[in-house]
């Protein structure tokens, strides 16, 4: 049996197997658990108000202690973040090659969070204090896909592999030359509207801190602009985001280069998941085809239709 969700076994079945093993280890009941998300992590809601996040990236065990520390510190600072369920166990735990964390459930309002909400929270995050403990630095955002391609041989055709490897090299060099205007700050790292939750009482909460790092604010900002290009956000959504943040990335000289870097970054998860997930195999082919033909506005998909 493979040790990770991304092995040859069916991705969904492996996620449930690891969930059951993790719950048994800490005394939780997985009966009736709802699978909320299955991308870079498997995310389950238990019948009790607990969220279980299952991470399979090779660096997860190394990164997640810092993720937990940042969210605890931000919560103590009054920043609206998800909170670890530390009352259950010392975290993170390791099960069958995956790294698992437990979080307090946020009861959601009917009205969704907005890109304006996201812009305001990111502005507060980027202008707030830095954590009083060391964090990794986002020095090379394409390092993860470079490692993913190396560790998953046979997923790409030789032609696609050669093209992608060259593209990664070129854009890594381009990243180092970007004209960043401000010093590094605390980054969420995956500042996408889907990671923002509206609580039943109306306030918004930022979740999914797995990519937290120190780095340039542009990496957090590009997600919403990329969301318009590839995932269906409207121009109004992006205008609202920029207005709330009080800065519009579209006027920055490095904008298009960073958009291309984000494009390449966004195929990494589907390389990882392709062995066990038919949707990832289809989406990987779709995204690579649009990239290789230079189509910068082909719509990509977050999940199977």
C-alpha atoms as a PDB file:
ATOM      1  CA  UNK A   1       0.000   0.000   0.000  1.00  0.00           C
ATOM      2  CA  UNK A   2       1.414   3.427  -0.867  1.00  0.00           C
ATOM      3  CA  UNK A   3       2.477   5.635   2.022  1.00  0.00           C
ATOM      4  CA  UNK A   4       0.865   8.811   0.692  1.00  0.00           C
ATOM      5  CA  UNK A   5      -2.472   9.941  -0.641  1.00  0.00           C
ATOM      6  CA  UNK A   6      -0.745  10.594  -3.939  1.00  0.00           C
ATOM      7  CA  UNK A   7       0.311   7.005  -4.504  1.00  0.00           C
ATOM      8  CA  UNK A   8      -1.213   4.700  -7.086  1.00  0.00           C
ATOM      9  CA  UNK A   9      -4.208   3.920  -4.869  1.00  0.00           C
ATOM     10  CA  UNK A  10      -7.395   5.930  -5.338  1.00  0.00           C
ATOM     11  CA  UNK A  11      -6.882   9.371  -3.810  1.00  0.00           C
ATOM     12  CA  UNK A  12     -10.283   9.497  -2.087  1.00  0.00           C
ATOM     13  CA  UNK A  13      -9.961   6.052  -0.546  1.00  0.00           C
ATOM     14  CA  UNK A  14      -6.472   6.776   0.756  1.00  0.00           C
ATOM     15  CA  UNK A  15      -7.714  10.034   2.304  1.00  0.00           C
ATOM     16  CA  UNK A  16     -10.433   8.170   4.220  1.00  0.00           C
ATOM     17  CA  UNK A  17      -7.995   5.447   5.296  1.00  0.00           C
ATOM     18  CA  UNK A  18      -5.605   8.004   6.759  1.00  0.00           C
ATOM     19  CA  UNK A  19      -8.481   9.886   8.405  1.00  0.00           C
ATOM     20  CA  UNK A  20      -9.647   6.770  10.226  1.00  0.00           C
ATOM     21  CA  UNK A  21      -6.116   5.952  11.394  1.00  0.00           C
ATOM     22  CA  UNK A  22      -5.529   9.526  12.597  1.00  0.00           C
ATOM     23  CA  UNK A  23      -8.822   9.667  14.485  1.00  0.00           C
ATOM     24  CA  UNK A  24      -8.098   6.346  16.153  1.00  0.00           C
ATOM     25  CA  UNK A  25      -4.745   7.706  17.326  1.00  0.00           C
ATOM     26  CA  UNK A  26      -6.286  10.695  19.120  1.00  0.00           C
ATOM     27  CA  UNK A  27      -9.624   9.214  20.190  1.00  0.00           C
ATOM     28  CA  UNK A  28     -11.954  10.920  17.696  1.00  0.00           C
ATOM     29  CA  UNK A  29     -14.885   9.341  15.869  1.00  0.00           C
ATOM     30  CA  UNK A  30     -14.614   9.610  12.044  1.00  0.00           C
ATOM     31  CA  UNK A  31     -18.131   8.256  11.448  1.00  0.00           C
ATOM     32  CA  UNK A  32     -19.998  10.539   9.058  1.00  0.00           C
ATOM     33  CA  UNK A  33     -16.967  12.732   8.322  1.00  0.00           C
ATOM     34  CA  UNK A  34     -17.512  15.102   5.387  1.00  0.00           C
ATOM     35  CA  UNK A  35     -14.742  15.533   2.824  1.00  0.00           C
ATOM     36  CA  UNK A  36     -14.568  19.296   2.239  1.00  0.00           C
ATOM     37  CA  UNK A  37     -11.526  19.485  -0.017  1.00  0.00           C
ATOM     38  CA  UNK A  38      -9.077  17.185  -1.751  1.00  0.00           C
ATOM     39  CA  UNK A  39      -6.253  19.083  -3.411  1.00  0.00           C
ATOM     40  CA  UNK A  40      -2.899  19.729  -1.785  1.00  0.00           C
ATOM     41  CA  UNK A  41      -4.530  18.542   1.454  1.00  0.00           C
ATOM     42  CA  UNK A  42      -7.471  16.351   2.293  1.00  0.00           C
ATOM     43  CA  UNK A  43      -9.757  18.345   4.603  1.00  0.00           C
ATOM     44  CA  UNK A  44     -12.512  16.641   6.600  1.00  0.00           C
ATOM     45  CA  UNK A  45     -15.237  17.992   8.893  1.00  0.00           C
ATOM     46  CA  UNK A  46     -16.091  15.564  11.677  1.00  0.00           C
ATOM     47  CA  UNK A  47     -19.562  15.321  13.171  1.00  0.00           C
ATOM     48  CA  UNK A  48     -18.133  17.079  16.212  1.00  0.00           C
ATOM     49  CA  UNK A  49     -16.808  20.614  15.545  1.00  0.00           C
ATOM     50  CA  UNK A  50     -13.339  19.578  14.429  1.00  0.00           C
ATOM     51  CA  UNK A  51     -11.565  19.939  11.081  1.00  0.00           C
ATOM     52  CA  UNK A  52      -8.936  17.345  10.170  1.00  0.00           C
ATOM     53  CA  UNK A  53      -6.296  18.359   7.628  1.00  0.00           C
ATOM     54  CA  UNK A  54      -4.190  15.636   6.019  1.00  0.00           C
ATOM     55  CA  UNK A  55      -1.021  16.850   4.293  1.00  0.00           C
ATOM     56  CA  UNK A  56       1.140  14.591   2.147  1.00  0.00           C
ATOM     57  CA  UNK A  57       3.771  16.959   0.738  1.00  0.00           C
ATOM     58  CA  UNK A  58       7.310  15.734   1.527  1.00  0.00           C
ATOM     59  CA  UNK A  59       7.992  18.911   3.511  1.00  0.00           C
ATOM     60  CA  UNK A  60       4.746  18.865   5.529  1.00  0.00           C
ATOM     61  CA  UNK A  61       6.175  17.387   8.727  1.00  0.00           C
ATOM     62  CA  UNK A  62       8.909  20.020   8.683  1.00  0.00           C
ATOM     63  CA  UNK A  63       6.610  22.974   7.872  1.00  0.00           C
ATOM     64  CA  UNK A  64       3.497  22.366   9.937  1.00  0.00           C
ATOM     65  CA  UNK A  65       4.939  23.111  13.399  1.00  0.00           C
ATOM     66  CA  UNK A  66       5.582  26.660  12.152  1.00  0.00           C
ATOM     67  CA  UNK A  67       2.055  26.838  10.703  1.00  0.00           C
ATOM     68  CA  UNK A  68       0.588  25.932  14.074  1.00  0.00           C
ATOM     69  CA  UNK A  69       2.859  28.431  15.847  1.00  0.00           C
ATOM     70  CA  UNK A  70       1.883  31.268  13.495  1.00  0.00           C
ATOM     71  CA  UNK A  71      -1.857  30.700  13.848  1.00  0.00           C
ATOM     72  CA  UNK A  72      -1.592  30.528  17.644  1.00  0.00           C
ATOM     73  CA  UNK A  73       0.430  33.759  17.680  1.00  0.00           C
ATOM     74  CA  UNK A  74      -1.904  35.558  15.249  1.00  0.00           C
ATOM     75  CA  UNK A  75      -4.942  34.529  17.283  1.00  0.00           C
ATOM     76  CA  UNK A  76      -3.274  35.928  20.410  1.00  0.00           C
ATOM     77  CA  UNK A  77      -2.683  39.167  18.469  1.00  0.00           C
ATOM     78  CA  UNK A  78      -6.395  39.375  17.640  1.00  0.00           C
ATOM     79  CA  UNK A  79      -5.992  38.570  13.955  1.00  0.00           C
ATOM     80  CA  UNK A  80      -9.014  36.615  12.607  1.00  0.00           C
ATOM     81  CA  UNK A  81      -7.478  33.225  11.900  1.00  0.00           C
ATOM     82  CA  UNK A  82      -8.481  29.603  12.260  1.00  0.00           C
ATOM     83  CA  UNK A  83      -7.253  28.065  15.512  1.00  0.00           C
ATOM     84  CA  UNK A  84      -5.593  24.715  16.163  1.00  0.00           C
ATOM     85  CA  UNK A  85      -7.546  22.280  18.329  1.00  0.00           C
ATOM     86  CA  UNK A  86      -4.619  21.879  20.703  1.00  0.00           C
ATOM     87  CA  UNK A  87      -6.869  20.492  23.411  1.00  0.00           C
ATOM     88  CA  UNK A  88      -6.993  17.188  21.500  1.00  0.00           C
ATOM     89  CA  UNK A  89      -3.317  16.290  21.245  1.00  0.00           C
ATOM     90  CA  UNK A  90       0.183  17.583  20.693  1.00  0.00           C
ATOM     91  CA  UNK A  91       0.359  18.544  17.019  1.00  0.00           C
ATOM     92  CA  UNK A  92       1.117  17.655  14.300  1.00  0.00           C
ATOM     93  CA  UNK A  93       0.848  13.880  14.240  1.00  0.00           C
ATOM     94  CA  UNK A  94       2.142  11.469  11.611  1.00  0.00           C
ATOM     95  CA  UNK A  95       0.063   8.641  10.153  1.00  0.00           C
ATOM     96  CA  UNK A  96       1.058   6.376   7.250  1.00  0.00           C
ATOM     97  CA  UNK A  97       3.427   8.920   5.731  1.00  0.00           C
ATOM     98  CA  UNK A  98       0.977  11.829   6.045  1.00  0.00           C
ATOM     99  CA  UNK A  99       1.078  14.732   8.496  1.00  0.00           C
ATOM    100  CA  UNK A 100      -2.189  15.542  10.256  1.00  0.00           C
ATOM    101  CA  UNK A 101      -3.378  18.626  12.107  1.00  0.00           C
ATOM    102  CA  UNK A 102      -6.662  19.280  13.931  1.00  0.00           C
ATOM    103  CA  UNK A 103      -8.499  22.612  13.895  1.00  0.00           C
ATOM    104  CA  UNK A 104     -11.558  24.167  15.509  1.00  0.00           C
ATOM    105  CA  UNK A 105     -14.512  24.263  13.143  1.00  0.00           C
ATOM    106  CA  UNK A 106     -15.813  27.675  11.975  1.00  0.00           C
ATOM    107  CA  UNK A 107     -19.638  27.651  11.674  1.00  0.00           C
ATOM    108  CA  UNK A 108     -20.184  29.392   8.344  1.00  0.00           C
ATOM    109  CA  UNK A 109     -22.685  32.097   7.470  1.00  0.00           C
ATOM    110  CA  UNK A 110     -24.828  31.828   4.350  1.00  0.00           C
ATOM    111  CA  UNK A 111     -23.274  34.996   2.895  1.00  0.00           C
ATOM    112  CA  UNK A 112     -19.815  34.178   1.519  1.00  0.00           C
ATOM    113  CA  UNK A 113     -16.656  36.117   2.183  1.00  0.00           C
ATOM    114  CA  UNK A 114     -15.669  38.607  -0.522  1.00  0.00           C
ATOM    115  CA  UNK A 115     -12.493  39.665  -2.255  1.00  0.00           C
ATOM    116  CA  UNK A 116     -12.829  43.011  -0.466  1.00  0.00           C
ATOM    117  CA  UNK A 117     -12.722  41.103   2.848  1.00  0.00           C
ATOM    118  CA  UNK A 118      -9.596  39.347   1.643  1.00  0.00           C
ATOM    119  CA  UNK A 119      -7.938  42.597   0.605  1.00  0.00           C
ATOM    120  CA  UNK A 120      -8.561  44.161   4.024  1.00  0.00           C
ATOM    121  CA  UNK A 121      -7.228  41.143   5.913  1.00  0.00           C
ATOM    122  CA  UNK A 122      -4.093  40.924   3.777  1.00  0.00           C
ATOM    123  CA  UNK A 123      -3.422  44.624   4.269  1.00  0.00           C
ATOM    124  CA  UNK A 124      -3.677  44.108   8.035  1.00  0.00           C
ATOM    125  CA  UNK A 125      -1.435  41.046   7.844  1.00  0.00           C
ATOM    126  CA  UNK A 126       1.221  42.707   5.688  1.00  0.00           C
ATOM    127  CA  UNK A 127       1.376  45.877   7.791  1.00  0.00           C
ATOM    128  CA  UNK A 128       1.224  44.097  11.144  1.00  0.00           C
ATOM    129  CA  UNK A 129       4.054  42.881  13.366  1.00  0.00           C
ATOM    130  CA  UNK A 130       6.375  40.033  12.427  1.00  0.00           C
ATOM    131  CA  UNK A 131       6.288  36.827  14.490  1.00  0.00           C
ATOM    132  CA  UNK A 132       8.862  36.654  17.310  1.00  0.00           C
ATOM    133  CA  UNK A 133      10.164  33.291  16.051  1.00  0.00           C
ATOM    134  CA  UNK A 134      11.903  32.173  12.862  1.00  0.00           C
ATOM    135  CA  UNK A 135       9.949  31.297   9.726  1.00  0.00           C
ATOM    136  CA  UNK A 136      11.018  30.056   6.334  1.00  0.00           C
ATOM    137  CA  UNK A 137      11.637  32.637   3.638  1.00  0.00           C
ATOM    138  CA  UNK A 138       9.905  32.437   0.271  1.00  0.00           C
ATOM    139  CA  UNK A 139      13.087  32.708  -1.756  1.00  0.00           C
ATOM    140  CA  UNK A 140      12.073  30.437  -4.631  1.00  0.00           C
ATOM    141  CA  UNK A 141       8.324  29.857  -5.180  1.00  0.00           C
ATOM    142  CA  UNK A 142       8.973  27.300  -7.931  1.00  0.00           C
ATOM    143  CA  UNK A 143      11.116  25.072  -5.718  1.00  0.00           C
ATOM    144  CA  UNK A 144       8.081  22.944  -4.838  1.00  0.00           C
ATOM    145  CA  UNK A 145       7.118  22.172  -8.421  1.00  0.00           C
ATOM    146  CA  UNK A 146      10.744  21.532  -9.321  1.00  0.00           C
ATOM    147  CA  UNK A 147      10.900  18.915  -6.560  1.00  0.00           C
ATOM    148  CA  UNK A 148       7.480  17.522  -7.497  1.00  0.00           C
ATOM    149  CA  UNK A 149       8.514  16.946 -11.110  1.00  0.00           C
ATOM    150  CA  UNK A 150      11.713  15.221  -9.980  1.00  0.00           C
ATOM    151  CA  UNK A 151       9.912  12.975  -7.484  1.00  0.00           C
ATOM    152  CA  UNK A 152       7.098  11.894  -9.817  1.00  0.00           C
ATOM    153  CA  UNK A 153       8.811  10.461 -12.881  1.00  0.00           C
ATOM    154  CA  UNK A 154       6.598   9.115 -15.637  1.00  0.00           C
ATOM    155  CA  UNK A 155       3.701  11.498 -15.024  1.00  0.00           C
ATOM    156  CA  UNK A 156       4.684  13.810 -17.875  1.00  0.00           C
ATOM    157  CA  UNK A 157       5.637  12.874 -21.404  1.00  0.00           C
ATOM    158  CA  UNK A 158       9.291  13.430 -22.239  1.00  0.00           C
ATOM    159  CA  UNK A 159       8.310  16.393 -24.396  1.00  0.00           C
ATOM    160  CA  UNK A 160       6.178  18.010 -21.677  1.00  0.00           C
ATOM    161  CA  UNK A 161       8.887  17.334 -19.093  1.00  0.00           C
ATOM    162  CA  UNK A 162      11.556  19.008 -21.218  1.00  0.00           C
ATOM    163  CA  UNK A 163       9.314  22.020 -21.862  1.00  0.00           C
ATOM    164  CA  UNK A 164       8.286  22.379 -18.233  1.00  0.00           C
ATOM    165  CA  UNK A 165      11.834  22.005 -16.902  1.00  0.00           C
ATOM    166  CA  UNK A 166      13.072  24.758 -19.197  1.00  0.00           C
ATOM    167  CA  UNK A 167      10.121  26.976 -18.278  1.00  0.00           C
ATOM    168  CA  UNK A 168      10.831  26.503 -14.569  1.00  0.00           C
ATOM    169  CA  UNK A 169      14.489  27.455 -15.098  1.00  0.00           C
ATOM    170  CA  UNK A 170      13.582  30.587 -17.047  1.00  0.00           C
ATOM    171  CA  UNK A 171      10.951  31.759 -14.567  1.00  0.00           C
ATOM    172  CA  UNK A 172      13.182  31.043 -11.562  1.00  0.00           C
ATOM    173  CA  UNK A 173      15.703  33.446 -13.035  1.00  0.00           C
ATOM    174  CA  UNK A 174      12.915  35.932 -13.777  1.00  0.00           C
ATOM    175  CA  UNK A 175      11.718  35.751 -10.144  1.00  0.00           C
ATOM    176  CA  UNK A 176      15.155  36.781  -8.899  1.00  0.00           C
ATOM    177  CA  UNK A 177      15.019  39.862 -11.141  1.00  0.00           C
ATOM    178  CA  UNK A 178      11.543  41.070 -10.097  1.00  0.00           C
ATOM    179  CA  UNK A 179      11.435  44.746  -8.981  1.00  0.00           C
ATOM    180  CA  UNK A 180       9.977  44.266  -5.501  1.00  0.00           C
ATOM    181  CA  UNK A 181       9.192  47.611  -3.915  1.00  0.00           C
ATOM    182  CA  UNK A 182       8.907  46.838  -0.199  1.00  0.00           C
ATOM    183  CA  UNK A 183      10.858  44.701   2.290  1.00  0.00           C
ATOM    184  CA  UNK A 184       9.641  41.188   3.126  1.00  0.00           C
ATOM    185  CA  UNK A 185       6.663  40.798   5.423  1.00  0.00           C
ATOM    186  CA  UNK A 186       4.563  37.980   6.869  1.00  0.00           C
ATOM    187  CA  UNK A 187       2.825  36.151   4.008  1.00  0.00           C
ATOM    188  CA  UNK A 188      -0.172  33.882   4.140  1.00  0.00           C
ATOM    189  CA  UNK A 189       1.275  32.136   1.083  1.00  0.00           C
ATOM    190  CA  UNK A 190      -1.991  30.885  -0.455  1.00  0.00           C
ATOM    191  CA  UNK A 191      -4.184  33.973  -0.190  1.00  0.00           C
ATOM    192  CA  UNK A 192      -7.087  32.772  -2.296  1.00  0.00           C
ATOM    193  CA  UNK A 193     -10.733  33.659  -1.660  1.00  0.00           C
ATOM    194  CA  UNK A 194     -11.598  29.983  -0.974  1.00  0.00           C
ATOM    195  CA  UNK A 195      -9.367  30.144   2.115  1.00  0.00           C
ATOM    196  CA  UNK A 196     -11.476  32.911   3.658  1.00  0.00           C
ATOM    197  CA  UNK A 197     -14.496  31.950   5.771  1.00  0.00           C
ATOM    198  CA  UNK A 198     -17.375  34.063   7.029  1.00  0.00           C
ATOM    199  CA  UNK A 199     -18.381  33.100  10.558  1.00  0.00           C
ATOM    200  CA  UNK A 200     -22.054  32.925  11.481  1.00  0.00           C
ATOM    201  CA  UNK A 201     -21.600  36.111  13.502  1.00  0.00           C
ATOM    202  CA  UNK A 202     -20.495  37.924  10.314  1.00  0.00           C
ATOM    203  CA  UNK A 203     -16.763  38.346  10.779  1.00  0.00           C
ATOM    204  CA  UNK A 204     -14.306  36.759   8.350  1.00  0.00           C
ATOM    205  CA  UNK A 205     -11.559  34.310   9.253  1.00  0.00           C
ATOM    206  CA  UNK A 206      -8.478  33.402   7.210  1.00  0.00           C
ATOM    207  CA  UNK A 207      -7.592  29.709   7.044  1.00  0.00           C
ATOM    208  CA  UNK A 208      -5.191  27.290   5.322  1.00  0.00           C
ATOM    209  CA  UNK A 209      -1.846  28.667   6.498  1.00  0.00           C
ATOM    210  CA  UNK A 210       0.216  25.752   5.195  1.00  0.00           C
ATOM    211  CA  UNK A 211       2.265  28.024   2.924  1.00  0.00           C
ATOM    212  CA  UNK A 212       2.974  30.747   5.503  1.00  0.00           C
ATOM    213  CA  UNK A 213       6.379  32.370   5.065  1.00  0.00           C
ATOM    214  CA  UNK A 214       8.312  35.603   5.119  1.00  0.00           C
ATOM    215  CA  UNK A 215       8.470  37.214   1.707  1.00  0.00           C
ATOM    216  CA  UNK A 216       7.306  39.930  -0.637  1.00  0.00           C
ATOM    217  CA  UNK A 217       3.652  40.963  -0.466  1.00  0.00           C
ATOM    218  CA  UNK A 218       3.220  40.550  -4.234  1.00  0.00           C
ATOM    219  CA  UNK A 219       3.095  36.768  -3.819  1.00  0.00           C
ATOM    220  CA  UNK A 220      -0.030  37.035  -1.669  1.00  0.00           C
ATOM    221  CA  UNK A 221      -1.609  39.634  -3.941  1.00  0.00           C
ATOM    222  CA  UNK A 222      -1.150  37.794  -7.256  1.00  0.00           C
ATOM    223  CA  UNK A 223      -3.601  35.040  -6.281  1.00  0.00           C
ATOM    224  CA  UNK A 224      -6.694  37.181  -6.803  1.00  0.00           C
ATOM    225  CA  UNK A 225      -5.512  38.527 -10.161  1.00  0.00           C
ATOM    226  CA  UNK A 226      -4.640  34.999 -11.246  1.00  0.00           C
ATOM    227  CA  UNK A 227      -8.106  33.980 -10.091  1.00  0.00           C
ATOM    228  CA  UNK A 228      -9.621  36.314 -12.666  1.00  0.00           C
ATOM    229  CA  UNK A 229      -7.355  35.007 -15.406  1.00  0.00           C
ATOM    230  CA  UNK A 230      -7.826  31.316 -14.735  1.00  0.00           C
ATOM    231  CA  UNK A 231     -10.614  30.557 -12.239  1.00  0.00           C
ATOM    232  CA  UNK A 232     -13.576  32.777 -12.917  1.00  0.00           C
ATOM    233  CA  UNK A 233     -13.240  35.757 -10.604  1.00  0.00           C
ATOM    234  CA  UNK A 234     -14.812  38.815 -12.204  1.00  0.00           C
ATOM    235  CA  UNK A 235     -13.044  42.119 -12.958  1.00  0.00           C
ATOM    236  CA  UNK A 236     -15.243  43.671 -10.261  1.00  0.00           C
ATOM    237  CA  UNK A 237     -13.990  41.081  -7.763  1.00  0.00           C
ATOM    238  CA  UNK A 238     -10.413  42.083  -8.495  1.00  0.00           C
ATOM    239  CA  UNK A 239     -11.193  45.811  -8.438  1.00  0.00           C
ATOM    240  CA  UNK A 240     -12.808  45.353  -5.013  1.00  0.00           C
ATOM    241  CA  UNK A 241      -9.764  43.443  -3.792  1.00  0.00           C
ATOM    242  CA  UNK A 242      -7.347  46.136  -4.978  1.00  0.00           C
ATOM    243  CA  UNK A 243      -9.454  48.934  -3.486  1.00  0.00           C
ATOM    244  CA  UNK A 244      -9.652  47.202  -0.099  1.00  0.00           C
ATOM    245  CA  UNK A 245      -5.916  46.524  -0.064  1.00  0.00           C
ATOM    246  CA  UNK A 246      -5.276  50.128  -1.230  1.00  0.00           C
ATOM    247  CA  UNK A 247      -2.842  49.017  -3.926  1.00  0.00           C
ATOM    248  CA  UNK A 248      -3.389  47.612  -7.427  1.00  0.00           C
ATOM    249  CA  UNK A 249      -0.782  45.086  -8.497  1.00  0.00           C
ATOM    250  CA  UNK A 250      -1.675  45.582 -12.157  1.00  0.00           C
ATOM    251  CA  UNK A 251       0.364  48.797 -12.149  1.00  0.00           C
ATOM    252  CA  UNK A 252       3.537  47.026 -10.998  1.00  0.00           C
ATOM    253  CA  UNK A 253       6.334  46.392 -13.508  1.00  0.00           C
ATOM    254  CA  UNK A 254       6.693  42.737 -12.487  1.00  0.00           C
ATOM    255  CA  UNK A 255       2.992  41.900 -12.816  1.00  0.00           C
ATOM    256  CA  UNK A 256       3.014  39.775 -15.967  1.00  0.00           C
ATOM    257  CA  UNK A 257       6.148  37.884 -14.981  1.00  0.00           C
ATOM    258  CA  UNK A 258       4.656  37.043 -11.594  1.00  0.00           C
ATOM    259  CA  UNK A 259       1.439  35.924 -13.292  1.00  0.00           C
ATOM    260  CA  UNK A 260       3.449  33.492 -15.426  1.00  0.00           C
ATOM    261  CA  UNK A 261       5.222  32.181 -12.315  1.00  0.00           C
ATOM    262  CA  UNK A 262       1.855  31.634 -10.647  1.00  0.00           C
ATOM    263  CA  UNK A 263       0.652  29.730 -13.730  1.00  0.00           C
ATOM    264  CA  UNK A 264       3.522  27.261 -13.460  1.00  0.00           C
ATOM    265  CA  UNK A 265       3.165  26.973  -9.683  1.00  0.00           C
ATOM    266  CA  UNK A 266      -0.510  26.066 -10.097  1.00  0.00           C
ATOM    267  CA  UNK A 267       0.138  22.855 -12.011  1.00  0.00           C
ATOM    268  CA  UNK A 268       2.314  21.294  -9.300  1.00  0.00           C
ATOM    269  CA  UNK A 269      -0.554  19.853  -7.267  1.00  0.00           C
ATOM    270  CA  UNK A 270      -1.894  18.025 -10.313  1.00  0.00           C
ATOM    271  CA  UNK A 271       1.483  16.459 -11.029  1.00  0.00           C
ATOM    272  CA  UNK A 272       1.483  15.192  -7.437  1.00  0.00           C
ATOM    273  CA  UNK A 273      -2.096  13.944  -7.463  1.00  0.00           C
ATOM    274  CA  UNK A 274      -2.224  12.515 -10.998  1.00  0.00           C
ATOM    275  CA  UNK A 275      -1.335   8.906 -10.052  1.00  0.00           C
ATOM    276  CA  UNK A 276      -4.431   8.541  -7.851  1.00  0.00           C
ATOM    277  CA  UNK A 277      -6.900  11.087  -9.195  1.00  0.00           C
ATOM    278  CA  UNK A 278      -8.544  11.089 -12.652  1.00  0.00           C
ATOM    279  CA  UNK A 279      -9.494  14.753 -12.330  1.00  0.00           C
ATOM    280  CA  UNK A 280      -5.867  15.765 -11.721  1.00  0.00           C
ATOM    281  CA  UNK A 281      -4.748  13.772 -14.752  1.00  0.00           C
ATOM    282  CA  UNK A 282      -7.282  15.570 -16.976  1.00  0.00           C
ATOM    283  CA  UNK A 283      -6.601  18.985 -15.481  1.00  0.00           C
ATOM    284  CA  UNK A 284      -2.835  18.578 -15.776  1.00  0.00           C
ATOM    285  CA  UNK A 285      -3.213  17.859 -19.497  1.00  0.00           C
ATOM    286  CA  UNK A 286      -5.582  20.820 -19.879  1.00  0.00           C
ATOM    287  CA  UNK A 287      -3.338  23.299 -18.063  1.00  0.00           C
ATOM    288  CA  UNK A 288      -0.178  22.209 -19.828  1.00  0.00           C
ATOM    289  CA  UNK A 289      -1.867  22.502 -23.220  1.00  0.00           C
ATOM    290  CA  UNK A 290      -2.921  26.080 -22.548  1.00  0.00           C
ATOM    291  CA  UNK A 291       0.516  27.003 -21.242  1.00  0.00           C
ATOM    292  CA  UNK A 292       2.373  25.448 -24.140  1.00  0.00           C
ATOM    293  CA  UNK A 293       0.186  27.199 -26.702  1.00  0.00           C
ATOM    294  CA  UNK A 294       0.629  30.518 -24.919  1.00  0.00           C
ATOM    295  CA  UNK A 295      -3.079  30.935 -24.175  1.00  0.00           C
ATOM    296  CA  UNK A 296      -3.050  33.171 -21.119  1.00  0.00           C
ATOM    297  CA  UNK A 297      -6.802  33.235 -20.491  1.00  0.00           C
ATOM    298  CA  UNK A 298      -7.947  29.613 -20.856  1.00  0.00           C
ATOM    299  CA  UNK A 299     -10.262  28.824 -17.942  1.00  0.00           C
ATOM    300  CA  UNK A 300      -8.860  26.261 -15.516  1.00  0.00           C
ATOM    301  CA  UNK A 301     -10.860  24.146 -13.064  1.00  0.00           C
ATOM    302  CA  UNK A 302     -10.626  23.832  -9.286  1.00  0.00           C
ATOM    303  CA  UNK A 303     -12.584  20.586  -9.142  1.00  0.00           C
ATOM    304  CA  UNK A 304     -14.318  18.071 -11.367  1.00  0.00           C
ATOM    305  CA  UNK A 305     -17.580  19.273 -12.924  1.00  0.00           C
END
